[in-house]
Amino acid sequence: MDFDFLLRKIIHVDMDAFYASVEQHDDPELKGKPIAVGGGSKRGVVSAASYEARKFGVRSAMAGSIAKRNCPELIFVKPRFDRYKEVSIQIRSIFFEYTDLVEPLSLDEAYLDVTENKRGNPSATLIAQEIRKKIFEKTGLTASAGISINKFIAKVASDYNKPNGQKTVNPEEVTQFLEDLDIRKFYGVGKVTAEKMYRLGIFTGKELKEKSLEFLDQHFGKSGSYYYNVVRGIHLSAVKPHRIPKSVGAERTFSENLSSEIFMLEKLENIAGELERRLQKSKIAGKTITLKIKYSDFTLQTRSKTLPYFIASKDLILETAKELLYQNSLENSVRLLGISLANLNTEKEKKNEDKESVLVQLKFDF
């Protein structure tokens, strides 16, 4: 069955080891050395690692003690988020020279829709090259880019020639590119899902494509239709300049493990207060409260409750968080607590991005 499909020219720009690269740029003595941003304190967690550190298996979200064990020469650097934000603003100013359709995902990556652009340049590939060159000239940092017909493929492609490279997947190359793709490289397929796919005999996009929608729905629930579509090059999500948050949260990692709920109440009150400030700043309220608990053995547990009304006040957030805390006994001592609010009043009716469509081969200069 054939459907018309709007082909876009999408660029995904991803800075290379952003936090670590900023530190190495600002302090030349760190260049070429394995560094970790964050993770230097007794209970610290690595926020980012340089490529030199990654060779030793150092990764973000890794405990600093483990990172140091993997790489004895590792240098810990204190995060400077104000500096990272400053550089991020410089980078985004370059994006807006080409298009107003910029969707930031974080400080160090963004989608750009350059189907129609301010430079009148028909080649998204050349635009990506220009943008990466300007970023380097303005900040001294390198970026990688992926270019293709939709956000999914562009994001996958941006990881191909890292660092300081780019990859274009032209419309006529999409089918083969996705069929050859290792399932672990599919954006949205994590470690657990990949292992499940392996057990089902799915190792590449081609094998995923051979599975029916019913099969994928049966084994992967709501994600089944997503996998069914993206492996066929169908991902109709537009670049959204103003992304609406799906949740707002705050969390704290403690210097010492907490072993009693009573000791946690004061911490939860502080977290609820921080969450209230973030909600007020964004003028947001929500109905679903989730309590996040990370134990001393790094296992993670979440407990949620949905209220019949929107809340944004510290008192109501704290009241529900306490209820969730006492819902079940703790499994171990606790190293981190977090509270998040979802089901927000900013959520609008989701546009149907799962409309059936197939890729049509059109002449489209990339």
Foldseek 3Di string as FASTA:
>chain_A
DADDDDFFKKKKKFFAQQQLVLVCVVPVVCPPHWEFAWQPDPFIFTQTIHPNLVVLVRGGRHHSVVSCVSPVRYHYDYGDVVVLQVLLVVLVVLLVQWPLLWADPDSGIIMHTNCPTPVRDQASVVVVVVSQVVSCVVRVTGMFMAITRDDQRGVLQRPVDPDRYGYYQYLVRLLVVQQAAFPCSRPPQDPVNSVVCVVVVDGGLVVLQVDDLVVQCVSPNPCSLVSNQVSQVAFQDGRHSDDDDQKFKFKDFDPDWAQDVVVCLVVLLVRLVVQLVVCVVVVKWAFKKKKWWQAPVRDIDIDMDGHPDTDRHSVVNSVVNSCRCPVDHDPHTTGMIMMMGGRMPVDDPDDPSSPDHGRDDDDRHD
